[in-house]
Amino acid sequence: MFGHKIKAELRIRELMVEHKIRSVSALHRLLIARRVTVSHSQLLRIVDNKAEHWKVEFIEAFAELFNCSVQDLFRFEKLAAIEASADALVQDKDSGVSAENKSAGV
């Protein structure tokens, strides 16, 4: 019914380990050396996948720093569970079974 929703996460922590970058502070220094302006707190949110958006400049700098493609920076996951949940809700609505009754075994 619905297309698969995709979740994208940056793999910065994994890439830091692969490139022996031991801390976000060390990564911050490397970015500053490349003239990428980012606060330490913003970089921490990006590395921990808590940032809601990123500048293209950051993505380009990470790809250059880790010598990888932009796609290599991300891990993609299909969220089929969302689709299954939405389908179940539609079916329950069509059959007249409420979520409360279904969970109670009614």
N, C-alpha and C. Protein backbone atom coordinates (compact mmCIF):
# COMPACT_ATOMS: atom_id res chain seq x y z
N MET A 1 0.82 -1.19 0.00
CA MET A 1 0.00 0.00 0.00
C MET A 1 0.87 1.26 0.00
N PHE A 2 1.76 1.37 0.97
CA PHE A 2 2.67 2.51 1.04
C PHE A 2 4.05 2.06 0.58
N GLY A 3 4.84 3.02 0.06
CA GLY A 3 6.23 2.70 -0.27
C GLY A 3 7.03 2.55 1.01
N HIS A 4 8.15 1.89 0.91
CA HIS A 4 9.00 1.73 2.07
C HIS A 4 9.57 3.08 2.49
N LYS A 5 9.54 3.34 3.76
CA LYS A 5 10.17 4.54 4.29
C LYS A 5 11.64 4.19 4.52
N ILE A 6 12.52 5.12 4.22
CA ILE A 6 13.96 4.89 4.36
C ILE A 6 14.49 5.74 5.51
N LYS A 7 15.28 5.11 6.35
CA LYS A 7 15.96 5.82 7.42
C LYS A 7 17.43 5.89 7.04
N ALA A 8 18.00 7.09 7.06
CA ALA A 8 19.42 7.28 6.73
C ALA A 8 20.15 7.73 7.99
N GLU A 9 21.24 7.05 8.29
CA GLU A 9 22.08 7.43 9.41
C GLU A 9 23.51 7.62 8.92
N LEU A 10 24.15 8.64 9.45
CA LEU A 10 25.57 8.84 9.14
C LEU A 10 26.41 7.79 9.87
N ARG A 11 27.45 7.33 9.22
CA ARG A 11 28.35 6.33 9.78
C ARG A 11 29.65 6.97 10.30
N ILE A 12 29.56 8.20 10.76
CA ILE A 12 30.77 8.95 11.12
C ILE A 12 31.56 8.25 12.23
N ARG A 13 30.90 7.76 13.25
CA ARG A 13 31.62 7.07 14.35
C ARG A 13 32.39 5.86 13.81
N GLU A 14 31.77 5.07 12.96
CA GLU A 14 32.44 3.90 12.37
C GLU A 14 33.66 4.35 11.55
N LEU A 15 33.48 5.39 10.76
CA LEU A 15 34.57 5.88 9.93
C LEU A 15 35.69 6.48 10.77
N MET A 16 35.33 7.10 11.89
CA MET A 16 36.35 7.63 12.80
C MET A 16 37.23 6.49 13.32
N VAL A 17 36.61 5.38 13.69
CA VAL A 17 37.37 4.22 14.18
C VAL A 17 38.28 3.69 13.09
N GLU A 18 37.73 3.53 11.88
CA GLU A 18 38.52 3.02 10.76
C GLU A 18 39.74 3.90 10.46
N HIS A 19 39.58 5.21 10.68
CA HIS A 19 40.66 6.16 10.37
C HIS A 19 41.43 6.60 11.62
N LYS A 20 41.21 5.88 12.72
CA LYS A 20 41.93 6.11 13.97
C LYS A 20 41.78 7.55 14.49
N ILE A 21 40.59 8.09 14.32
CA ILE A 21 40.27 9.40 14.90
C ILE A 21 39.55 9.10 16.20
N ARG A 22 40.20 9.41 17.32
CA ARG A 22 39.75 8.91 18.62
C ARG A 22 38.64 9.70 19.29
N SER A 23 38.39 10.92 18.84
CA SER A 23 37.38 11.72 19.54
C SER A 23 36.73 12.71 18.58
N VAL A 24 35.58 13.20 19.01
CA VAL A 24 34.90 14.24 18.23
C VAL A 24 35.75 15.51 18.23
N SER A 25 36.47 15.75 19.31
CA SER A 25 37.36 16.92 19.36
C SER A 25 38.45 16.83 18.30
N ALA A 26 39.01 15.64 18.12
CA ALA A 26 40.03 15.44 17.08
C ALA A 26 39.42 15.63 15.69
N LEU A 27 38.21 15.11 15.50
CA LEU A 27 37.51 15.30 14.22
C LEU A 27 37.24 16.79 13.99
N HIS A 28 36.85 17.49 15.05
CA HIS A 28 36.58 18.92 14.97
C HIS A 28 37.83 19.67 14.51
N ARG A 29 38.97 19.33 15.07
CA ARG A 29 40.23 19.99 14.67
C ARG A 29 40.55 19.73 13.20
N LEU A 30 40.31 18.50 12.74
CA LEU A 30 40.56 18.18 11.32
C LEU A 30 39.64 18.98 10.40
N LEU A 31 38.39 19.16 10.80
CA LEU A 31 37.45 19.94 9.99
C LEU A 31 37.85 21.42 9.98
N ILE A 32 38.24 21.93 11.13
CA ILE A 32 38.67 23.34 11.20
C ILE A 32 39.89 23.55 10.31
N ALA A 33 40.82 22.59 10.29
CA ALA A 33 42.00 22.68 9.43
C ALA A 33 41.60 22.74 7.95
N ARG A 34 40.44 22.17 7.63
CA ARG A 34 39.92 22.21 6.25
C ARG A 34 39.00 23.41 6.04
N ARG A 35 39.00 24.31 7.00
CA ARG A 35 38.20 25.54 6.95
C ARG A 35 36.70 25.28 6.92
N VAL A 36 36.29 24.20 7.59
CA VAL A 36 34.87 23.91 7.75
C VAL A 36 34.45 24.46 9.10
N THR A 37 33.53 25.40 9.09
CA THR A 37 33.07 26.04 10.31
C THR A 37 31.89 25.28 10.88
N VAL A 38 32.11 24.70 12.06
CA VAL A 38 31.05 23.97 12.76
C VAL A 38 31.39 24.03 14.25
N SER A 39 30.38 24.25 15.06
CA SER A 39 30.62 24.25 16.51
C SER A 39 30.81 22.81 16.98
N HIS A 40 31.49 22.68 18.09
CA HIS A 40 31.71 21.34 18.65
C HIS A 40 30.37 20.68 18.98
N SER A 41 29.44 21.43 19.54
CA SER A 41 28.13 20.84 19.90
C SER A 41 27.35 20.41 18.66
N GLN A 42 27.42 21.20 17.58
CA GLN A 42 26.74 20.81 16.35
C GLN A 42 27.39 19.56 15.76
N LEU A 43 28.71 19.50 15.78
CA LEU A 43 29.41 18.32 15.26
C LEU A 43 29.04 17.08 16.08
N LEU A 44 28.94 17.23 17.37
CA LEU A 44 28.54 16.11 18.22
C LEU A 44 27.15 15.61 17.86
N ARG A 45 26.21 16.53 17.59
CA ARG A 45 24.86 16.13 17.16
C ARG A 45 24.92 15.39 15.82
N ILE A 46 25.76 15.86 14.92
CA ILE A 46 25.88 15.21 13.60
C ILE A 46 26.45 13.80 13.78
N VAL A 47 27.53 13.69 14.53
CA VAL A 47 28.19 12.39 14.74
C VAL A 47 27.26 11.40 15.43
N ASP A 48 26.45 11.88 16.36
CA ASP A 48 25.52 11.01 17.10
C ASP A 48 24.17 10.85 16.40
N ASN A 49 24.07 11.33 15.16
CA ASN A 49 22.83 11.23 14.37
C ASN A 49 21.63 11.88 15.06
N LYS A 50 21.89 13.00 15.72
CA LYS A 50 20.81 13.73 16.38
C LYS A 50 20.52 15.06 15.70
N ALA A 51 21.30 15.40 14.68
CA ALA A 51 21.07 16.64 13.93
C ALA A 51 19.90 16.41 12.98
N GLU A 52 19.06 17.41 12.86
CA GLU A 52 17.90 17.28 11.97
C GLU A 52 18.27 17.55 10.52
N HIS A 53 19.35 18.27 10.29
CA HIS A 53 19.81 18.55 8.94
C HIS A 53 21.30 18.86 8.98
N TRP A 54 21.93 18.75 7.82
CA TRP A 54 23.36 19.02 7.72
C TRP A 54 23.59 19.90 6.51
N LYS A 55 24.63 20.68 6.58
CA LYS A 55 25.05 21.45 5.41
C LYS A 55 25.74 20.51 4.44
N VAL A 56 25.56 20.76 3.17
CA VAL A 56 26.25 19.98 2.14
C VAL A 56 27.76 20.08 2.37
N GLU A 57 28.21 21.21 2.82
CA GLU A 57 29.63 21.43 3.10
C GLU A 57 30.17 20.36 4.08
N PHE A 58 29.38 19.98 5.08
CA PHE A 58 29.81 18.96 6.04
C PHE A 58 29.95 17.61 5.36
N ILE A 59 28.96 17.27 4.56
CA ILE A 59 28.97 15.98 3.87
C ILE A 59 30.19 15.89 2.94
N GLU A 60 30.43 16.98 2.21
CA GLU A 60 31.60 17.01 1.32
C GLU A 60 32.90 16.87 2.11
N ALA A 61 32.98 17.57 3.24
CA ALA A 61 34.20 17.51 4.07
C ALA A 61 34.40 16.11 4.64
N PHE A 62 33.33 15.47 5.09
CA PHE A 62 33.45 14.10 5.61
C PHE A 62 33.92 13.14 4.51
N ALA A 63 33.34 13.27 3.31
CA ALA A 63 33.72 12.39 2.20
C ALA A 63 35.20 12.58 1.86
N GLU A 64 35.65 13.84 1.87
CA GLU A 64 37.06 14.12 1.58
C GLU A 64 37.96 13.60 2.70
N LEU A 65 37.58 13.88 3.93
CA LEU A 65 38.38 13.49 5.09
C LEU A 65 38.53 11.97 5.18
N PHE A 66 37.43 11.25 4.96
CA PHE A 66 37.46 9.78 5.07
C PHE A 66 37.77 9.10 3.73
N ASN A 67 38.01 9.91 2.69
CA ASN A 67 38.35 9.40 1.36
C ASN A 67 37.34 8.34 0.91
N CYS A 68 36.07 8.74 0.91
CA CYS A 68 35.01 7.81 0.53
C CYS A 68 33.94 8.55 -0.26
N SER A 69 33.01 7.80 -0.80
CA SER A 69 31.89 8.42 -1.52
C SER A 69 30.87 8.93 -0.51
N VAL A 70 30.01 9.79 -0.96
CA VAL A 70 28.94 10.30 -0.11
C VAL A 70 28.07 9.14 0.37
N GLN A 71 27.79 8.20 -0.51
CA GLN A 71 26.95 7.05 -0.12
C GLN A 71 27.61 6.23 1.00
N ASP A 72 28.95 6.16 0.99
CA ASP A 72 29.66 5.42 2.04
C ASP A 72 29.51 6.07 3.41
N LEU A 73 29.14 7.34 3.45
CA LEU A 73 28.96 8.03 4.72
C LEU A 73 27.69 7.61 5.44
N PHE A 74 26.76 7.00 4.70
CA PHE A 74 25.44 6.70 5.24
C PHE A 74 25.18 5.21 5.33
N ARG A 75 24.31 4.85 6.27
CA ARG A 75 23.72 3.52 6.34
C ARG A 75 22.23 3.74 6.09
N PHE A 76 21.68 2.99 5.16
CA PHE A 76 20.27 3.13 4.82
C PHE A 76 19.51 1.91 5.30
N GLU A 77 18.34 2.14 5.86
CA GLU A 77 17.52 1.05 6.38
C GLU A 77 16.08 1.27 5.94
N LYS A 78 15.49 0.23 5.37
CA LYS A 78 14.07 0.31 5.02
C LYS A 78 13.26 0.06 6.27
N LEU A 79 12.28 0.89 6.49
CA LEU A 79 11.44 0.75 7.67
C LEU A 79 10.12 0.11 7.28
N ALA A 80 10.15 -1.16 6.99
CA ALA A 80 8.95 -1.89 6.57
C ALA A 80 7.95 -1.98 7.71
N ALA A 81 8.42 -1.90 8.95
CA ALA A 81 7.51 -1.99 10.09
C ALA A 81 6.49 -0.86 10.06
N ILE A 82 6.88 0.30 9.59
CA ILE A 82 5.95 1.42 9.49
C ILE A 82 4.85 1.07 8.51
N GLU A 83 5.24 0.50 7.39
CA GLU A 83 4.26 0.11 6.39
C GLU A 83 3.32 -0.96 6.95
N ALA A 84 3.88 -1.95 7.65
CA ALA A 84 3.06 -3.03 8.21
C ALA A 84 2.10 -2.47 9.25
N SER A 85 2.56 -1.54 10.08
CA SER A 85 1.69 -0.93 11.08
C SER A 85 0.58 -0.14 10.43
N ALA A 86 0.91 0.61 9.39
CA ALA A 86 -0.11 1.40 8.69
C ALA A 86 -1.13 0.48 8.03
N ASP A 87 -0.66 -0.62 7.42
CA ASP A 87 -1.58 -1.58 6.80
C ASP A 87 -2.50 -2.19 7.85
N ALA A 88 -1.96 -2.53 9.02
CA ALA A 88 -2.78 -3.12 10.08
C ALA A 88 -3.84 -2.14 10.55
N LEU A 89 -3.48 -0.87 10.67
CA LEU A 89 -4.45 0.14 11.08
C LEU A 89 -5.57 0.28 10.07
N VAL A 90 -5.21 0.27 8.80
CA VAL A 90 -6.22 0.39 7.75
C VAL A 90 -7.14 -0.83 7.78
N GLN A 91 -6.57 -2.02 7.92
CA GLN A 91 -7.37 -3.24 7.96
C GLN A 91 -8.29 -3.25 9.18
N ASP A 92 -7.76 -2.84 10.34
CA ASP A 92 -8.57 -2.79 11.55
C ASP A 92 -9.71 -1.81 11.40
N LYS A 93 -9.41 -0.67 10.79
CA LYS A 93 -10.44 0.35 10.59
C LYS A 93 -11.53 -0.19 9.66
N ASP A 94 -11.10 -0.87 8.59
CA ASP A 94 -12.05 -1.43 7.63
C ASP A 94 -12.90 -2.53 8.25
N SER A 95 -12.32 -3.30 9.18
CA SER A 95 -13.07 -4.41 9.78
C SER A 95 -13.86 -3.98 11.00
N GLY A 96 -13.64 -2.74 11.45
CA GLY A 96 -14.37 -2.24 12.61
C GLY A 96 -13.78 -2.68 13.94
N VAL A 97 -12.58 -3.24 13.95
CA VAL A 97 -11.93 -3.67 15.18
C VAL A 97 -11.06 -2.53 15.68
N SER A 98 -11.31 -2.09 16.91
CA SER A 98 -10.49 -1.01 17.45
C SER A 98 -9.18 -1.59 17.98
N ALA A 99 -8.17 -0.75 18.10
CA ALA A 99 -6.87 -1.19 18.60
C ALA A 99 -7.00 -1.70 20.03
N GLU A 100 -7.86 -1.06 20.84
CA GLU A 100 -8.05 -1.48 22.22
C GLU A 100 -8.65 -2.88 22.27
N ASN A 101 -9.69 -3.12 21.45
CA ASN A 101 -10.33 -4.43 21.43
C ASN A 101 -9.38 -5.50 20.91
N LYS A 102 -8.57 -5.13 19.92
CA LYS A 102 -7.64 -6.09 19.34
C LYS A 102 -6.60 -6.51 20.38
N SER A 103 -6.04 -5.53 21.12
CA SER A 103 -5.03 -5.86 22.11
C SER A 103 -5.63 -6.61 23.29
N ALA A 104 -6.92 -6.42 23.55
CA ALA A 104 -7.58 -7.14 24.64
C ALA A 104 -8.04 -8.52 24.20
N GLY A 105 -7.88 -8.82 22.92
CA GLY A 105 -8.28 -10.12 22.41
C GLY A 105 -9.75 -10.22 22.10
N VAL A 106 -10.44 -9.10 21.96
CA VAL A 106 -11.88 -9.09 21.68
C VAL A 106 -12.12 -9.24 20.21
